[in-house]
Amino acid sequence: MRIVSGILLFLFAGGVSLAEERESIHYAIAQSRVSHHSFVPITKQPQNEFEKQASAYLSLSTAQHLLSSDSFLAIDSSSLTLAHKKTHSATSAISKETAEGLYVVGRHEWILLGTSKEYFSAYVDQASKNSRIGVSELVEFEREGKDWVQFVLQGKEYKYAISEWVKDSEKSDEPLPVVKLRTKLGEINEEIEYVLIDGGNGIVLGENFLRDLAVQNAKYDYIQGRVK
């Protein structure tokens, strides 16, 4: 018991390297599995619950690994707060812009979409050609001779004109609708095309978002912070 206590004290009092802290930067992201095929984060929680956990930045998995099954050791809140502050400080120290003027983004970033004032946690995947949004209740319809789409994203209904159709062999042999959405991430404020994935869950920023705008530092999360 004393050995475990000593290990945990060492862990949360500064004995763990920043590299190790970054590897388990917070429990919520560890729970967010990213599908190898769809590149859409799969989360069982509603977006608001996911965001609450994502803001915690707690390396709980590391602490739980050190505890034996018959141990009843309680980790005090001050130790967790210290771990949070250390990780947050490490992220804050990262430059948000390169010498060439490109923005630096992490594995996950907060974004605003369209006219919505609700923040979304987006997964950044430079290996994905297209940006994608997992939606539900997707319905295509026609308005004034043009193709439109209606869908639900995190409990809210949206309607947008379809800018084009693309084929995604990993998801469907049928063409998928693409919509243009104003996207705000830090100082970035651009209209970005997103492929809509019916039945998916999560938002992916792909190469079409990063191109000529940003580079990724995948060791960190939420480098740019929320838009103010």
C-alpha atoms as a PDB file:
ATOM      1  CA  MET A   1       0.000   0.000   0.000  1.00  0.00           C
ATOM      2  CA  ARG A   2       2.820   2.415   0.897  1.00  0.00           C
ATOM      3  CA  ILE A   3       4.630   1.529  -2.310  1.00  0.00           C
ATOM      4  CA  VAL A   4       1.568   2.326  -4.396  1.00  0.00           C
ATOM      5  CA  SER A   5       1.055   5.565  -2.466  1.00  0.00           C
ATOM      6  CA  GLY A   6       4.646   6.544  -3.146  1.00  0.00           C
ATOM      7  CA  ILE A   7       4.320   5.795  -6.834  1.00  0.00           C
ATOM      8  CA  LEU A   8       1.170   7.882  -7.138  1.00  0.00           C
ATOM      9  CA  LEU A   9       2.718  10.749  -5.194  1.00  0.00           C
ATOM     10  CA  PHE A  10       5.696  10.617  -7.552  1.00  0.00           C
ATOM     11  CA  LEU A  11       3.362  10.500 -10.562  1.00  0.00           C
ATOM     12  CA  PHE A  12       1.228  13.496  -9.678  1.00  0.00           C
ATOM     13  CA  ALA A  13       3.927  15.569  -7.983  1.00  0.00           C
ATOM     14  CA  GLY A  14       6.043  15.831 -11.081  1.00  0.00           C
ATOM     15  CA  GLY A  15       7.902  12.531 -11.429  1.00  0.00           C
ATOM     16  CA  VAL A  16       6.431  11.694 -14.830  1.00  0.00           C
ATOM     17  CA  SER A  17       7.959  13.178 -17.963  1.00  0.00           C
ATOM     18  CA  LEU A  18       5.914  15.506 -20.150  1.00  0.00           C
ATOM     19  CA  ALA A  19       6.163  12.942 -22.936  1.00  0.00           C
ATOM     20  CA  GLU A  20       4.407  10.351 -20.754  1.00  0.00           C
ATOM     21  CA  GLU A  21       1.770  12.885 -19.711  1.00  0.00           C
ATOM     22  CA  ARG A  22       1.088  13.731 -23.340  1.00  0.00           C
ATOM     23  CA  GLU A  23       0.659  10.048 -24.214  1.00  0.00           C
ATOM     24  CA  SER A  24      -2.260   9.810 -21.782  1.00  0.00           C
ATOM     25  CA  ILE A  25      -3.246  13.472 -21.937  1.00  0.00           C
ATOM     26  CA  HIS A  26      -6.773  12.895 -20.746  1.00  0.00           C
ATOM     27  CA  TYR A  27      -9.227  10.127 -20.121  1.00  0.00           C
ATOM     28  CA  ALA A  28     -11.890  11.305 -22.574  1.00  0.00           C
ATOM     29  CA  ILE A  29      -9.624  11.190 -25.598  1.00  0.00           C
ATOM     30  CA  ALA A  30      -8.361   7.755 -24.570  1.00  0.00           C
ATOM     31  CA  GLN A  31     -11.980   6.598 -24.694  1.00  0.00           C
ATOM     32  CA  SER A  32     -12.551   8.096 -28.143  1.00  0.00           C
ATOM     33  CA  ARG A  33     -11.702   5.311 -30.564  1.00  0.00           C
ATOM     34  CA  VAL A  34     -11.015   6.398 -34.133  1.00  0.00           C
ATOM     35  CA  SER A  35     -12.214   4.015 -36.794  1.00  0.00           C
ATOM     36  CA  HIS A  36      -9.414   2.951 -39.124  1.00  0.00           C
ATOM     37  CA  HIS A  37     -11.862   2.823 -42.003  1.00  0.00           C
ATOM     38  CA  SER A  38     -14.116   5.833 -41.536  1.00  0.00           C
ATOM     39  CA  PHE A  39     -11.777   8.249 -39.741  1.00  0.00           C
ATOM     40  CA  VAL A  40     -14.833   9.292 -37.746  1.00  0.00           C
ATOM     41  CA  PRO A  41     -14.342   9.268 -33.954  1.00  0.00           C
ATOM     42  CA  ILE A  42     -16.669   6.720 -32.383  1.00  0.00           C
ATOM     43  CA  THR A  43     -18.025   7.970 -29.059  1.00  0.00           C
ATOM     44  CA  LYS A  44     -20.921   6.471 -27.162  1.00  0.00           C
ATOM     45  CA  GLN A  45     -21.474   9.663 -25.206  1.00  0.00           C
ATOM     46  CA  PRO A  46     -23.413  12.764 -26.297  1.00  0.00           C
ATOM     47  CA  GLN A  47     -21.124  15.537 -27.552  1.00  0.00           C
ATOM     48  CA  ASN A  48     -21.594  17.719 -24.468  1.00  0.00           C
ATOM     49  CA  GLU A  49     -20.641  14.873 -22.126  1.00  0.00           C
ATOM     50  CA  PHE A  50     -17.602  14.072 -24.271  1.00  0.00           C
ATOM     51  CA  GLU A  51     -16.492  17.718 -24.158  1.00  0.00           C
ATOM     52  CA  LYS A  52     -16.815  17.841 -20.378  1.00  0.00           C
ATOM     53  CA  GLN A  53     -14.496  14.858 -20.080  1.00  0.00           C
ATOM     54  CA  ALA A  54     -12.169  16.190 -22.771  1.00  0.00           C
ATOM     55  CA  SER A  55     -11.590  19.346 -20.736  1.00  0.00           C
ATOM     56  CA  ALA A  56     -10.428  17.367 -17.704  1.00  0.00           C
ATOM     57  CA  TYR A  57      -6.936  16.412 -19.028  1.00  0.00           C
ATOM     58  CA  LEU A  58      -6.528  13.688 -16.392  1.00  0.00           C
ATOM     59  CA  SER A  59      -4.223  10.698 -16.860  1.00  0.00           C
ATOM     60  CA  LEU A  60      -6.608   8.348 -15.053  1.00  0.00           C
ATOM     61  CA  SER A  61      -5.630   5.281 -17.056  1.00  0.00           C
ATOM     62  CA  THR A  62      -2.060   5.546 -15.783  1.00  0.00           C
ATOM     63  CA  ALA A  63      -3.209   5.894 -12.182  1.00  0.00           C
ATOM     64  CA  GLN A  64      -5.646   3.006 -12.494  1.00  0.00           C
ATOM     65  CA  HIS A  65      -2.928   0.788 -13.933  1.00  0.00           C
ATOM     66  CA  LEU A  66      -0.786   1.357 -10.837  1.00  0.00           C
ATOM     67  CA  LEU A  67      -3.557   0.477  -8.397  1.00  0.00           C
ATOM     68  CA  SER A  68      -4.066  -3.168  -7.466  1.00  0.00           C
ATOM     69  CA  SER A  69      -7.581  -4.603  -7.459  1.00  0.00           C
ATOM     70  CA  ASP A  70      -7.678  -4.764  -3.650  1.00  0.00           C
ATOM     71  CA  SER A  71      -6.344  -1.245  -3.130  1.00  0.00           C
ATOM     72  CA  PHE A  72      -8.686   1.406  -1.772  1.00  0.00           C
ATOM     73  CA  LEU A  73      -6.294   4.323  -2.047  1.00  0.00           C
ATOM     74  CA  ALA A  74      -8.072   7.618  -2.812  1.00  0.00           C
ATOM     75  CA  ILE A  75      -6.330  10.213  -4.974  1.00  0.00           C
ATOM     76  CA  ASP A  76      -6.988  13.644  -3.488  1.00  0.00           C
ATOM     77  CA  SER A  77      -8.362  16.424  -5.690  1.00  0.00           C
ATOM     78  CA  SER A  78      -5.311  18.664  -5.216  1.00  0.00           C
ATOM     79  CA  SER A  79      -3.082  16.028  -6.842  1.00  0.00           C
ATOM     80  CA  LEU A  80      -5.430  15.746  -9.811  1.00  0.00           C
ATOM     81  CA  THR A  81      -5.533  19.529 -10.128  1.00  0.00           C
ATOM     82  CA  LEU A  82      -1.726  19.610 -10.162  1.00  0.00           C
ATOM     83  CA  ALA A  83      -1.628  16.993 -12.928  1.00  0.00           C
ATOM     84  CA  HIS A  84      -4.172  19.012 -14.905  1.00  0.00           C
ATOM     85  CA  LYS A  85      -2.192  22.248 -14.547  1.00  0.00           C
ATOM     86  CA  LYS A  86       1.082  20.601 -15.593  1.00  0.00           C
ATOM     87  CA  THR A  87      -0.455  19.128 -18.742  1.00  0.00           C
ATOM     88  CA  HIS A  88      -2.264  22.367 -19.575  1.00  0.00           C
ATOM     89  CA  SER A  89       0.966  24.344 -19.131  1.00  0.00           C
ATOM     90  CA  ALA A  90       2.814  21.997 -21.484  1.00  0.00           C
ATOM     91  CA  THR A  91       0.158  22.512 -24.178  1.00  0.00           C
ATOM     92  CA  SER A  92       0.034  26.275 -23.649  1.00  0.00           C
ATOM     93  CA  ALA A  93       3.793  26.522 -24.185  1.00  0.00           C
ATOM     94  CA  ILE A  94       3.523  25.146 -27.741  1.00  0.00           C
ATOM     95  CA  SER A  95       3.710  27.740 -30.499  1.00  0.00           C
ATOM     96  CA  LYS A  96       0.363  28.262 -32.234  1.00  0.00           C
ATOM     97  CA  GLU A  97       1.981  29.370 -35.482  1.00  0.00           C
ATOM     98  CA  THR A  98       5.028  28.394 -37.543  1.00  0.00           C
ATOM     99  CA  ALA A  99       7.681  30.769 -38.849  1.00  0.00           C
ATOM    100  CA  GLU A 100       6.060  30.376 -42.275  1.00  0.00           C
ATOM    101  CA  GLY A 101       2.732  31.656 -40.959  1.00  0.00           C
ATOM    102  CA  LEU A 102       0.917  28.308 -40.802  1.00  0.00           C
ATOM    103  CA  TYR A 103      -1.244  27.560 -37.779  1.00  0.00           C
ATOM    104  CA  VAL A 104      -0.303  24.604 -35.573  1.00  0.00           C
ATOM    105  CA  VAL A 105      -3.149  22.257 -34.633  1.00  0.00           C
ATOM    106  CA  GLY A 106      -3.221  19.217 -32.371  1.00  0.00           C
ATOM    107  CA  ARG A 107      -4.902  15.822 -32.586  1.00  0.00           C
ATOM    108  CA  HIS A 108      -8.155  17.400 -31.454  1.00  0.00           C
ATOM    109  CA  GLU A 109      -9.306  21.005 -31.693  1.00  0.00           C
ATOM    110  CA  TRP A 110     -12.383  23.028 -30.743  1.00  0.00           C
ATOM    111  CA  ILE A 111     -14.315  24.371 -33.735  1.00  0.00           C
ATOM    112  CA  LEU A 112     -17.449  26.347 -34.544  1.00  0.00           C
ATOM    113  CA  LEU A 113     -19.505  25.284 -37.567  1.00  0.00           C
ATOM    114  CA  GLY A 114     -21.753  27.503 -39.670  1.00  0.00           C
ATOM    115  CA  THR A 115     -23.828  29.899 -37.598  1.00  0.00           C
ATOM    116  CA  SER A 116     -23.854  27.582 -34.578  1.00  0.00           C
ATOM    117  CA  LYS A 117     -22.442  28.937 -31.335  1.00  0.00           C
ATOM    118  CA  GLU A 118     -21.912  25.434 -29.997  1.00  0.00           C
ATOM    119  CA  TYR A 119     -18.335  24.171 -29.789  1.00  0.00           C
ATOM    120  CA  PHE A 120     -17.501  20.821 -31.344  1.00  0.00           C
ATOM    121  CA  SER A 121     -14.449  18.711 -30.585  1.00  0.00           C
ATOM    122  CA  ALA A 122     -12.966  17.743 -33.973  1.00  0.00           C
ATOM    123  CA  TYR A 123     -10.380  15.050 -34.673  1.00  0.00           C
ATOM    124  CA  VAL A 124      -7.590  16.203 -36.997  1.00  0.00           C
ATOM    125  CA  ASP A 125      -6.450  13.539 -39.477  1.00  0.00           C
ATOM    126  CA  GLN A 126      -3.916  14.674 -42.055  1.00  0.00           C
ATOM    127  CA  ALA A 127      -4.046  11.215 -43.676  1.00  0.00           C
ATOM    128  CA  SER A 128      -7.703  11.706 -44.610  1.00  0.00           C
ATOM    129  CA  LYS A 129      -8.212  13.506 -47.916  1.00  0.00           C
ATOM    130  CA  ASN A 130     -11.638  14.869 -47.012  1.00  0.00           C
ATOM    131  CA  SER A 131     -13.109  16.411 -43.907  1.00  0.00           C
ATOM    132  CA  ARG A 132     -16.135  14.498 -42.632  1.00  0.00           C
ATOM    133  CA  ILE A 133     -19.082  14.887 -40.320  1.00  0.00           C
ATOM    134  CA  GLY A 134     -21.030  12.001 -38.836  1.00  0.00           C
ATOM    135  CA  VAL A 135     -24.742  12.862 -38.852  1.00  0.00           C
ATOM    136  CA  SER A 136     -28.109  11.175 -38.354  1.00  0.00           C
ATOM    137  CA  GLU A 137     -31.526  11.356 -40.040  1.00  0.00           C
ATOM    138  CA  LEU A 138     -29.977  12.467 -43.326  1.00  0.00           C
ATOM    139  CA  VAL A 139     -32.625  13.299 -45.950  1.00  0.00           C
ATOM    140  CA  GLU A 140     -31.984  14.611 -49.445  1.00  0.00           C
ATOM    141  CA  PHE A 141     -34.504  16.941 -51.082  1.00  0.00           C
ATOM    142  CA  GLU A 142     -34.785  19.489 -53.863  1.00  0.00           C
ATOM    143  CA  ARG A 143     -35.240  23.233 -53.469  1.00  0.00           C
ATOM    144  CA  GLU A 144     -35.583  25.568 -56.452  1.00  0.00           C
ATOM    145  CA  GLY A 145     -34.073  22.968 -58.754  1.00  0.00           C
ATOM    146  CA  LYS A 146     -31.020  22.352 -56.547  1.00  0.00           C
ATOM    147  CA  ASP A 147     -30.054  19.416 -54.327  1.00  0.00           C
ATOM    148  CA  TRP A 148     -30.286  20.050 -50.608  1.00  0.00           C
ATOM    149  CA  VAL A 149     -29.774  17.889 -47.549  1.00  0.00           C
ATOM    150  CA  GLN A 150     -31.318  17.886 -44.111  1.00  0.00           C
ATOM    151  CA  PHE A 151     -29.595  16.193 -41.178  1.00  0.00           C
ATOM    152  CA  VAL A 152     -29.270  16.112 -37.418  1.00  0.00           C
ATOM    153  CA  LEU A 153     -25.943  16.875 -35.738  1.00  0.00           C
ATOM    154  CA  GLN A 154     -25.691  16.494 -31.977  1.00  0.00           C
ATOM    155  CA  GLY A 155     -29.437  16.822 -31.529  1.00  0.00           C
ATOM    156  CA  LYS A 156     -29.939  19.852 -33.782  1.00  0.00           C
ATOM    157  CA  GLU A 157     -31.410  19.915 -37.288  1.00  0.00           C
ATOM    158  CA  TYR A 158     -29.595  21.610 -40.184  1.00  0.00           C
ATOM    159  CA  LYS A 159     -30.363  22.219 -43.858  1.00  0.00           C
ATOM    160  CA  TYR A 160     -27.687  23.003 -46.453  1.00  0.00           C
ATOM    161  CA  ALA A 161     -27.304  23.038 -50.209  1.00  0.00           C
ATOM    162  CA  ILE A 162     -25.242  20.143 -51.563  1.00  0.00           C
ATOM    163  CA  SER A 163     -22.095  21.473 -53.243  1.00  0.00           C
ATOM    164  CA  GLU A 164     -21.120  18.162 -54.862  1.00  0.00           C
ATOM    165  CA  TRP A 165     -21.235  14.375 -54.544  1.00  0.00           C
ATOM    166  CA  VAL A 166     -18.236  12.148 -53.834  1.00  0.00           C
ATOM    167  CA  LYS A 167     -17.697   8.395 -53.703  1.00  0.00           C
ATOM    168  CA  ASP A 168     -16.227   6.872 -50.573  1.00  0.00           C
ATOM    169  CA  SER A 169     -15.491   3.198 -51.185  1.00  0.00           C
ATOM    170  CA  GLU A 170     -14.782   2.629 -47.484  1.00  0.00           C
ATOM    171  CA  LYS A 171     -18.261   3.718 -46.462  1.00  0.00           C
ATOM    172  CA  SER A 172     -20.510   3.177 -49.468  1.00  0.00           C
ATOM    173  CA  ASP A 173     -20.504   2.532 -53.183  1.00  0.00           C
ATOM    174  CA  GLU A 174     -23.108   5.265 -53.517  1.00  0.00           C
ATOM    175  CA  PRO A 175     -22.103   8.934 -53.850  1.00  0.00           C
ATOM    176  CA  LEU A 176     -22.173  10.876 -50.583  1.00  0.00           C
ATOM    177  CA  PRO A 177     -23.309  14.500 -50.225  1.00  0.00           C
ATOM    178  CA  VAL A 178     -20.808  17.278 -49.596  1.00  0.00           C
ATOM    179  CA  VAL A 179     -21.733  20.581 -47.950  1.00  0.00           C
ATOM    180  CA  LYS A 180     -19.761  23.765 -47.388  1.00  0.00           C
ATOM    181  CA  LEU A 181     -19.666  24.990 -43.806  1.00  0.00           C
ATOM    182  CA  ARG A 182     -18.037  28.070 -42.340  1.00  0.00           C
ATOM    183  CA  THR A 183     -15.437  26.670 -39.941  1.00  0.00           C
ATOM    184  CA  LYS A 184     -13.755  28.627 -37.168  1.00  0.00           C
ATOM    185  CA  LEU A 185     -10.715  27.178 -35.404  1.00  0.00           C
ATOM    186  CA  GLY A 186      -8.587  29.615 -33.446  1.00  0.00           C
ATOM    187  CA  GLU A 187      -7.758  32.413 -35.902  1.00  0.00           C
ATOM    188  CA  ILE A 188      -8.823  30.277 -38.881  1.00  0.00           C
ATOM    189  CA  ASN A 189     -12.149  31.286 -40.405  1.00  0.00           C
ATOM    190  CA  GLU A 190     -12.739  29.460 -43.688  1.00  0.00           C
ATOM    191  CA  GLU A 191     -15.519  27.803 -45.674  1.00  0.00           C
ATOM    192  CA  ILE A 192     -14.684  24.084 -45.726  1.00  0.00           C
ATOM    193  CA  GLU A 193     -16.269  21.185 -47.610  1.00  0.00           C
ATOM    194  CA  TYR A 194     -17.424  18.235 -45.492  1.00  0.00           C
ATOM    195  CA  VAL A 195     -18.566  14.788 -46.592  1.00  0.00           C
ATOM    196  CA  LEU A 196     -21.683  13.809 -44.640  1.00  0.00           C
ATOM    197  CA  ILE A 197     -21.625  10.271 -43.216  1.00  0.00           C
ATOM    198  CA  ASP A 198     -25.121   9.117 -42.291  1.00  0.00           C
ATOM    199  CA  GLY A 199     -25.033   7.093 -39.081  1.00  0.00           C
ATOM    200  CA  GLY A 200     -21.545   8.302 -38.157  1.00  0.00           C
ATOM    201  CA  ASN A 201     -20.605  10.220 -35.033  1.00  0.00           C
ATOM    202  CA  GLY A 202     -17.915  12.863 -34.764  1.00  0.00           C
ATOM    203  CA  ILE A 203     -16.122  15.444 -36.882  1.00  0.00           C
ATOM    204  CA  VAL A 204     -12.878  14.935 -38.789  1.00  0.00           C
ATOM    205  CA  LEU A 205     -10.741  17.725 -40.227  1.00  0.00           C
ATOM    206  CA  GLY A 206      -8.852  16.286 -43.173  1.00  0.00           C
ATOM    207  CA  GLU A 207      -6.183  17.376 -45.609  1.00  0.00           C
ATOM    208  CA  ASN A 208      -8.583  19.697 -47.428  1.00  0.00           C
ATOM    209  CA  PHE A 209      -8.803  21.744 -44.222  1.00  0.00           C
ATOM    210  CA  LEU A 210      -5.088  21.723 -43.413  1.00  0.00           C
ATOM    211  CA  ARG A 211      -3.908  22.564 -46.926  1.00  0.00           C
ATOM    212  CA  ASP A 212      -2.106  25.930 -47.015  1.00  0.00           C
ATOM    213  CA  LEU A 213      -3.569  26.806 -43.608  1.00  0.00           C
ATOM    214  CA  ALA A 214      -2.173  24.594 -40.881  1.00  0.00           C
ATOM    215  CA  VAL A 215       0.247  21.855 -39.871  1.00  0.00           C
ATOM    216  CA  GLN A 216      -0.366  19.224 -37.227  1.00  0.00           C
ATOM    217  CA  ASN A 217       1.527  18.468 -34.035  1.00  0.00           C
ATOM    218  CA  ALA A 218      -0.157  15.190 -33.084  1.00  0.00           C
ATOM    219  CA  LYS A 219       1.528  15.035 -29.663  1.00  0.00           C
ATOM    220  CA  TYR A 220      -0.861  17.630 -28.290  1.00  0.00           C
ATOM    221  CA  ASP A 221      -4.590  18.395 -28.096  1.00  0.00           C
ATOM    222  CA  TYR A 222      -6.455  21.712 -28.334  1.00  0.00           C
ATOM    223  CA  ILE A 223      -3.403  23.818 -29.165  1.00  0.00           C
ATOM    224  CA  GLN A 224      -5.451  26.661 -30.628  1.00  0.00           C
ATOM    225  CA  GLY A 225      -8.080  26.704 -27.891  1.00  0.00           C
ATOM    226  CA  ARG A 226     -11.638  27.934 -28.289  1.00  0.00           C
ATOM    227  CA  VAL A 227     -12.588  30.782 -30.578  1.00  0.00           C
ATOM    228  CA  LYS A 228     -13.249  33.962 -28.597  1.00  0.00           C
END
